[in-house]
Amino acid sequence: MSIKDFDKQHDIDTNSEVLIAPEEVAVEDKQIIVYNDDFNTFEHVIESLIKVCKHDPIQAEQCTFLIHYKGKCSVKKGSYEELEPVCTALLEKGITAEIE
């Protein structure tokens, strides 16, 4: 017996819409991208990532090297509401960052 035959035999409506509860809807994740610049030192960027993004020292150092050599790096992911104050704090420290 095929699935269609089963659906017909058991009177299952396969064309109906399924409603998803709001808490089950996936929140579109955003990310903070930090860009390389010519005026921030490695130490300043590392310290900022540790303090603002709560990176451990190794993670902050790796991100800083990626920023320097690749031109940018995603340093934090989450919802826009979570990331907005973090991005603002990085900008206040002179770090070139944006939410994508």
Protein backbone atom coordinates (compact mmCIF):
# COMPACT_ATOMS: atom_id res chain seq x y z
CA MET A 1 0.00 0.00 0.00
CA SER A 2 1.39 3.41 -0.96
CA ILE A 3 1.33 6.47 1.29
CA LYS A 4 -1.35 8.07 -0.89
CA ASP A 5 -3.53 4.96 -0.62
CA PHE A 6 -3.03 4.97 3.16
CA ASP A 7 -3.96 8.67 3.36
CA LYS A 8 -7.14 8.08 1.30
CA GLN A 9 -8.10 4.98 3.27
CA HIS A 10 -7.68 6.75 6.60
CA ASP A 11 -9.11 10.09 5.42
CA ILE A 12 -5.89 12.05 6.07
CA ASP A 13 -5.78 15.55 4.63
CA THR A 14 -2.26 16.04 3.32
CA ASN A 15 -2.99 19.52 1.97
CA SER A 16 -3.67 21.15 5.33
CA GLU A 17 -1.26 23.67 6.83
CA VAL A 18 0.65 22.99 10.00
CA LEU A 19 0.84 25.79 12.54
CA ILE A 20 4.08 26.15 14.45
CA ALA A 21 4.07 27.62 17.93
CA PRO A 22 6.13 30.85 18.14
CA GLU A 23 8.73 29.29 20.44
CA GLU A 24 9.39 26.61 17.83
CA VAL A 25 10.17 29.07 15.04
CA ALA A 26 13.90 29.23 14.45
CA VAL A 27 15.31 32.66 15.12
CA GLU A 28 17.42 33.82 12.23
CA ASP A 29 20.92 33.99 13.63
CA LYS A 30 22.94 37.09 12.97
CA GLN A 31 26.63 37.58 13.52
CA ILE A 32 28.99 40.35 14.50
CA ILE A 33 31.71 40.82 11.92
CA VAL A 34 34.86 42.67 13.00
CA TYR A 35 36.93 44.24 10.23
CA ASN A 36 40.64 44.93 10.02
CA ASP A 37 41.80 48.54 10.33
CA ASP A 38 45.08 50.40 10.43
CA PHE A 39 44.85 51.90 13.89
CA ASN A 40 43.87 49.24 16.49
CA THR A 41 46.65 47.13 17.98
CA PHE A 42 46.51 43.36 18.34
CA GLU A 43 46.46 43.80 22.12
CA HIS A 44 43.52 46.20 22.03
CA VAL A 45 41.44 43.93 19.78
CA ILE A 46 42.25 40.85 21.88
CA GLU A 47 41.39 42.64 25.13
CA SER A 48 38.15 43.98 23.61
CA LEU A 49 37.03 40.54 22.41
CA ILE A 50 37.74 39.07 25.84
CA LYS A 51 35.92 41.83 27.71
CA VAL A 52 32.99 42.53 25.37
CA CYS A 53 32.41 39.20 23.60
CA LYS A 54 33.46 37.02 26.55
CA HIS A 55 36.05 35.16 24.45
CA ASP A 56 38.73 33.18 26.20
CA PRO A 57 42.25 34.48 25.44
CA ILE A 58 43.05 31.83 22.81
CA GLN A 59 39.78 32.42 20.95
CA ALA A 60 40.30 36.20 21.03
CA GLU A 61 43.84 35.81 19.71
CA GLN A 62 42.74 33.49 16.89
CA CYS A 63 39.95 35.88 15.86
CA THR A 64 42.39 38.79 15.91
CA PHE A 65 44.79 36.97 13.59
CA LEU A 66 41.91 36.15 11.23
CA ILE A 67 40.81 39.79 11.27
CA HIS A 68 44.35 40.90 10.46
CA TYR A 69 45.16 38.35 7.75
CA LYS A 70 41.71 37.75 6.20
CA GLY A 71 40.33 41.27 6.67
CA LYS A 72 37.38 40.26 8.82
CA CYS A 73 36.09 37.62 11.23
CA SER A 74 32.75 36.61 12.73
CA VAL A 75 33.26 37.04 16.47
CA LYS A 76 29.79 36.33 17.89
CA LYS A 77 26.48 34.83 16.73
CA GLY A 78 22.96 35.22 18.06
CA SER A 79 19.77 37.16 17.61
CA TYR A 80 19.91 40.83 16.66
CA GLU A 81 18.60 41.77 20.12
CA GLU A 82 21.47 39.88 21.80
CA LEU A 83 24.15 41.22 19.48
CA GLU A 84 23.19 44.91 19.30
CA PRO A 85 24.61 45.91 22.72
CA VAL A 86 27.75 43.84 22.11
CA CYS A 87 28.35 45.45 18.72
CA THR A 88 27.74 48.90 20.22
CA ALA A 89 30.33 48.19 22.94
CA LEU A 90 32.89 47.13 20.32
CA LEU A 91 32.22 50.29 18.31
CA GLU A 92 32.66 52.39 21.46
CA LYS A 93 36.10 50.78 21.87
CA GLY A 94 37.01 51.89 18.35
CA ILE A 95 36.64 48.44 16.82
CA THR A 96 35.16 48.40 13.29
CA ALA A 97 32.21 46.00 13.56
CA GLU A 98 28.74 45.42 12.19
CA ILE A 99 25.87 42.97 12.54
CA GLU A 100 25.08 40.86 9.47
